[in-house]
Amino acid sequence: MTDSSYIGRFAPTPSGFLHFGSLVAALASWLDARAVNGRWLLRMEDTDPPREMPGARDAILQTLERYGLHWDGEVVFQSQRHDAYAAVVDRLFNMGLAYACTCSRKQLERYNGIYPGFCRNAEHAREGAAIRLRVPELIYRFTDRVQGEYQQHLGREV
């Protein structure tokens, strides 16, 4: 089977060396892409400079290469894409698919990770606010190759 439109991705964080679990995830993603003649892209999640370990970025790339996991194209660095992400956020707001939330983690901690929607219909400024996606009242279903059938109502369960 070949599907040259298939794109696999791996996005390590340079806060340390590549650990075994991440290497296994990279391998699985790489194998999926190569099995259908697809592309495999690498994106470095370098958005938290204080937590980055000196030399980790190069060590991660060298480890992937040493194991024969060669990516297609240039490595994308998250830290260099702020303008692209801002444009997407603007588009989501303009389409009514995102909203600003000023709730603190402290205010939300008693809801066990399920956002109660306090800011969903409020008009808060985006500056300093979290950006939340407005999800439809639907149940999403899919079949995972390992776990089998799965379904979730994002608005009520996430």
C-alpha atoms as a PDB file:
ATOM      1  CA  MET A   1       0.000   0.000   0.000  1.00  0.00           C
ATOM      2  CA  THR A   2       1.312   3.464  -0.805  1.00  0.00           C
ATOM      3  CA  ASP A   3      -0.078   6.829   0.113  1.00  0.00           C
ATOM      4  CA  SER A   4       2.334   9.632  -0.623  1.00  0.00           C
ATOM      5  CA  SER A   5      -0.087  12.077   1.059  1.00  0.00           C
ATOM      6  CA  TYR A   6       0.442  10.397   4.450  1.00  0.00           C
ATOM      7  CA  ILE A   7       2.509  12.500   6.840  1.00  0.00           C
ATOM      8  CA  GLY A   8       3.945  11.110  10.051  1.00  0.00           C
ATOM      9  CA  ARG A   9       5.397  13.435  12.675  1.00  0.00           C
ATOM     10  CA  PHE A  10       7.641  13.364  15.699  1.00  0.00           C
ATOM     11  CA  ALA A  11       8.014  16.340  18.038  1.00  0.00           C
ATOM     12  CA  PRO A  12      10.654  15.932  20.765  1.00  0.00           C
ATOM     13  CA  THR A  13      11.333  18.517  23.476  1.00  0.00           C
ATOM     14  CA  PRO A  14      14.997  19.447  24.008  1.00  0.00           C
ATOM     15  CA  SER A  15      14.666  19.468  27.797  1.00  0.00           C
ATOM     16  CA  GLY A  16      16.795  16.337  27.945  1.00  0.00           C
ATOM     17  CA  PHE A  17      18.153  13.468  25.909  1.00  0.00           C
ATOM     18  CA  LEU A  18      15.841  11.234  23.911  1.00  0.00           C
ATOM     19  CA  HIS A  19      14.613   8.488  26.233  1.00  0.00           C
ATOM     20  CA  PHE A  20      13.620   4.976  25.213  1.00  0.00           C
ATOM     21  CA  GLY A  21       9.865   5.636  25.207  1.00  0.00           C
ATOM     22  CA  SER A  22      10.281   8.598  22.874  1.00  0.00           C
ATOM     23  CA  LEU A  23      12.540   6.566  20.618  1.00  0.00           C
ATOM     24  CA  VAL A  24       9.861   3.848  20.402  1.00  0.00           C
ATOM     25  CA  ALA A  25       7.216   6.489  19.559  1.00  0.00           C
ATOM     26  CA  ALA A  26       9.500   7.950  16.884  1.00  0.00           C
ATOM     27  CA  LEU A  27      10.111   4.506  15.424  1.00  0.00           C
ATOM     28  CA  ALA A  28       6.391   3.694  15.294  1.00  0.00           C
ATOM     29  CA  SER A  29       5.610   6.997  13.580  1.00  0.00           C
ATOM     30  CA  TRP A  30       8.512   6.550  11.146  1.00  0.00           C
ATOM     31  CA  LEU A  31       7.431   2.983  10.307  1.00  0.00           C
ATOM     32  CA  ASP A  32       3.827   4.071   9.708  1.00  0.00           C
ATOM     33  CA  ALA A  33       4.981   6.754   7.284  1.00  0.00           C
ATOM     34  CA  ARG A  34       7.477   4.550   5.459  1.00  0.00           C
ATOM     35  CA  ALA A  35       5.010   1.638   5.199  1.00  0.00           C
ATOM     36  CA  VAL A  36       2.772   3.729   2.910  1.00  0.00           C
ATOM     37  CA  ASN A  37       5.566   5.643   1.173  1.00  0.00           C
ATOM     38  CA  GLY A  38       4.578   8.748   3.128  1.00  0.00           C
ATOM     39  CA  ARG A  39       6.653  11.552   4.573  1.00  0.00           C
ATOM     40  CA  TRP A  40       8.048  11.745   8.109  1.00  0.00           C
ATOM     41  CA  LEU A  41       8.520  15.221   9.566  1.00  0.00           C
ATOM     42  CA  LEU A  42      10.419  16.375  12.616  1.00  0.00           C
ATOM     43  CA  ARG A  43       9.347  19.349  14.751  1.00  0.00           C
ATOM     44  CA  MET A  44      11.457  20.470  17.709  1.00  0.00           C
ATOM     45  CA  GLU A  45       9.268  21.625  20.616  1.00  0.00           C
ATOM     46  CA  ASP A  46      11.674  24.340  21.736  1.00  0.00           C
ATOM     47  CA  THR A  47       9.180  26.701  23.364  1.00  0.00           C
ATOM     48  CA  ASP A  48      10.412  26.563  26.967  1.00  0.00           C
ATOM     49  CA  PRO A  49      14.029  27.854  26.892  1.00  0.00           C
ATOM     50  CA  PRO A  50      14.559  27.757  30.697  1.00  0.00           C
ATOM     51  CA  ARG A  51      13.897  24.006  30.680  1.00  0.00           C
ATOM     52  CA  GLU A  52      16.025  23.231  27.626  1.00  0.00           C
ATOM     53  CA  MET A  53      19.202  21.328  28.306  1.00  0.00           C
ATOM     54  CA  PRO A  54      22.298  22.591  26.482  1.00  0.00           C
ATOM     55  CA  GLY A  55      23.173  20.186  23.684  1.00  0.00           C
ATOM     56  CA  ALA A  56      19.917  18.217  23.914  1.00  0.00           C
ATOM     57  CA  ARG A  57      18.605  19.416  20.547  1.00  0.00           C
ATOM     58  CA  ASP A  58      21.695  18.165  18.681  1.00  0.00           C
ATOM     59  CA  ALA A  59      21.812  14.970  20.739  1.00  0.00           C
ATOM     60  CA  ILE A  60      18.189  14.165  19.839  1.00  0.00           C
ATOM     61  CA  LEU A  61      18.850  14.683  16.138  1.00  0.00           C
ATOM     62  CA  GLN A  62      22.009  12.566  16.301  1.00  0.00           C
ATOM     63  CA  THR A  63      20.194   9.762  18.132  1.00  0.00           C
ATOM     64  CA  LEU A  64      17.449   9.631  15.505  1.00  0.00           C
ATOM     65  CA  GLU A  65      20.047   9.552  12.735  1.00  0.00           C
ATOM     66  CA  ARG A  66      22.088   6.879  14.543  1.00  0.00           C
ATOM     67  CA  TYR A  67      18.999   4.632  14.596  1.00  0.00           C
ATOM     68  CA  GLY A  68      18.311   5.270  10.908  1.00  0.00           C
ATOM     69  CA  LEU A  69      15.241   7.436  11.496  1.00  0.00           C
ATOM     70  CA  HIS A  70      15.806  10.011   8.770  1.00  0.00           C
ATOM     71  CA  TRP A  71      13.205  12.756   8.410  1.00  0.00           C
ATOM     72  CA  ASP A  72      11.978  14.392   5.233  1.00  0.00           C
ATOM     73  CA  GLY A  73      12.653  18.101   4.745  1.00  0.00           C
ATOM     74  CA  GLU A  74      13.999  20.573   7.257  1.00  0.00           C
ATOM     75  CA  VAL A  75      13.506  20.304  11.011  1.00  0.00           C
ATOM     76  CA  VAL A  76      10.792  22.766  12.071  1.00  0.00           C
ATOM     77  CA  PHE A  77      11.444  24.698  15.270  1.00  0.00           C
ATOM     78  CA  GLN A  78       8.343  25.769  17.208  1.00  0.00           C
ATOM     79  CA  SER A  79      10.155  28.856  18.529  1.00  0.00           C
ATOM     80  CA  GLN A  80      10.394  30.209  14.975  1.00  0.00           C
ATOM     81  CA  ARG A  81       6.689  29.855  14.139  1.00  0.00           C
ATOM     82  CA  HIS A  82       4.952  32.339  16.451  1.00  0.00           C
ATOM     83  CA  ASP A  83       3.592  34.413  13.545  1.00  0.00           C
ATOM     84  CA  ALA A  84       2.093  31.333  11.877  1.00  0.00           C
ATOM     85  CA  TYR A  85       0.418  30.260  15.127  1.00  0.00           C
ATOM     86  CA  ALA A  86      -0.935  33.766  15.774  1.00  0.00           C
ATOM     87  CA  ALA A  87      -2.494  33.747  12.298  1.00  0.00           C
ATOM     88  CA  VAL A  88      -4.233  30.435  13.030  1.00  0.00           C
ATOM     89  CA  VAL A  89      -5.530  31.722  16.390  1.00  0.00           C
ATOM     90  CA  ASP A  90      -6.868  34.843  14.644  1.00  0.00           C
ATOM     91  CA  ARG A  91      -8.626  32.665  12.079  1.00  0.00           C
ATOM     92  CA  LEU A  92     -10.168  30.464  14.792  1.00  0.00           C
ATOM     93  CA  PHE A  93     -11.456  33.555  16.639  1.00  0.00           C
ATOM     94  CA  ASN A  94     -12.844  35.052  13.426  1.00  0.00           C
ATOM     95  CA  MET A  95     -14.682  31.798  12.697  1.00  0.00           C
ATOM     96  CA  GLY A  96     -16.113  31.671  16.241  1.00  0.00           C
ATOM     97  CA  LEU A  97     -14.199  28.468  16.982  1.00  0.00           C
ATOM     98  CA  ALA A  98     -12.066  29.856  19.827  1.00  0.00           C
ATOM     99  CA  TYR A  99     -12.527  32.083  22.851  1.00  0.00           C
ATOM    100  CA  ALA A 100     -10.412  33.691  25.548  1.00  0.00           C
ATOM    101  CA  CYS A 101     -10.562  32.220  29.045  1.00  0.00           C
ATOM    102  CA  THR A 102      -9.358  34.121  32.103  1.00  0.00           C
ATOM    103  CA  CYS A 103      -9.992  31.332  34.628  1.00  0.00           C
ATOM    104  CA  SER A 104      -6.993  30.443  36.748  1.00  0.00           C
ATOM    105  CA  ARG A 105      -5.849  26.877  37.335  1.00  0.00           C
ATOM    106  CA  LYS A 106      -6.747  27.376  40.984  1.00  0.00           C
ATOM    107  CA  GLN A 107     -10.348  28.262  40.014  1.00  0.00           C
ATOM    108  CA  LEU A 108     -10.633  25.166  37.821  1.00  0.00           C
ATOM    109  CA  GLU A 109      -8.829  22.559  39.935  1.00  0.00           C
ATOM    110  CA  ARG A 110     -11.995  21.291  41.656  1.00  0.00           C
ATOM    111  CA  TYR A 111     -13.492  20.323  38.255  1.00  0.00           C
ATOM    112  CA  ASN A 112     -11.034  17.432  37.778  1.00  0.00           C
ATOM    113  CA  GLY A 113      -9.791  18.500  34.360  1.00  0.00           C
ATOM    114  CA  ILE A 114     -13.260  19.027  32.865  1.00  0.00           C
ATOM    115  CA  TYR A 115     -13.639  22.670  31.901  1.00  0.00           C
ATOM    116  CA  PRO A 116     -17.058  23.927  33.138  1.00  0.00           C
ATOM    117  CA  GLY A 117     -17.347  26.575  30.404  1.00  0.00           C
ATOM    118  CA  PHE A 118     -17.311  29.726  32.533  1.00  0.00           C
ATOM    119  CA  CYS A 119     -15.786  31.888  29.773  1.00  0.00           C
ATOM    120  CA  ARG A 120     -17.348  30.139  26.767  1.00  0.00           C
ATOM    121  CA  ASN A 121     -19.803  32.978  26.095  1.00  0.00           C
ATOM    122  CA  ALA A 122     -17.891  35.835  27.722  1.00  0.00           C
ATOM    123  CA  GLU A 123     -16.040  38.509  25.794  1.00  0.00           C
ATOM    124  CA  HIS A 124     -12.595  38.587  27.409  1.00  0.00           C
ATOM    125  CA  ALA A 125      -9.519  40.212  25.872  1.00  0.00           C
ATOM    126  CA  ARG A 126      -7.036  37.686  24.521  1.00  0.00           C
ATOM    127  CA  GLU A 127      -3.994  39.309  26.122  1.00  0.00           C
ATOM    128  CA  GLY A 128      -2.891  37.156  29.044  1.00  0.00           C
ATOM    129  CA  ALA A 129      -5.805  34.744  28.591  1.00  0.00           C
ATOM    130  CA  ALA A 130      -5.811  31.070  27.701  1.00  0.00           C
ATOM    131  CA  ILE A 131      -7.212  30.257  24.274  1.00  0.00           C
ATOM    132  CA  ARG A 132      -9.863  27.543  24.321  1.00  0.00           C
ATOM    133  CA  LEU A 133     -11.460  25.794  21.380  1.00  0.00           C
ATOM    134  CA  ARG A 134     -15.217  25.851  21.063  1.00  0.00           C
ATOM    135  CA  VAL A 135     -16.135  22.211  20.503  1.00  0.00           C
ATOM    136  CA  PRO A 136     -19.496  21.097  19.122  1.00  0.00           C
ATOM    137  CA  GLU A 137     -21.886  19.015  21.185  1.00  0.00           C
ATOM    138  CA  LEU A 138     -20.981  15.775  19.441  1.00  0.00           C
ATOM    139  CA  ILE A 139     -19.616  12.367  20.287  1.00  0.00           C
ATOM    140  CA  TYR A 140     -16.449  11.589  18.337  1.00  0.00           C
ATOM    141  CA  ARG A 141     -15.737   7.952  17.477  1.00  0.00           C
ATOM    142  CA  PHE A 142     -12.789   6.171  15.918  1.00  0.00           C
ATOM    143  CA  THR A 143     -11.097   2.805  15.817  1.00  0.00           C
ATOM    144  CA  ASP A 144      -7.570   2.692  17.196  1.00  0.00           C
ATOM    145  CA  ARG A 145      -5.387  -0.087  15.776  1.00  0.00           C
ATOM    146  CA  VAL A 146      -4.261  -1.104  19.262  1.00  0.00           C
ATOM    147  CA  GLN A 147      -7.062  -0.083  21.650  1.00  0.00           C
ATOM    148  CA  GLY A 148     -10.011  -0.773  19.347  1.00  0.00           C
ATOM    149  CA  GLU A 149     -13.227   1.274  19.344  1.00  0.00           C
ATOM    150  CA  TYR A 150     -13.173   4.545  21.238  1.00  0.00           C
ATOM    151  CA  GLN A 151     -15.652   7.356  21.680  1.00  0.00           C
ATOM    152  CA  GLN A 152     -15.709  10.602  23.618  1.00  0.00           C
ATOM    153  CA  HIS A 153     -17.865  13.683  24.002  1.00  0.00           C
ATOM    154  CA  LEU A 154     -15.250  16.429  24.061  1.00  0.00           C
ATOM    155  CA  GLY A 155     -17.520  19.090  25.528  1.00  0.00           C
ATOM    156  CA  ARG A 156     -18.500  16.971  28.541  1.00  0.00           C
ATOM    157  CA  GLU A 157     -15.451  14.769  29.062  1.00  0.00           C
ATOM    158  CA  VAL A 158     -12.381  16.887  28.343  1.00  0.00           C
END
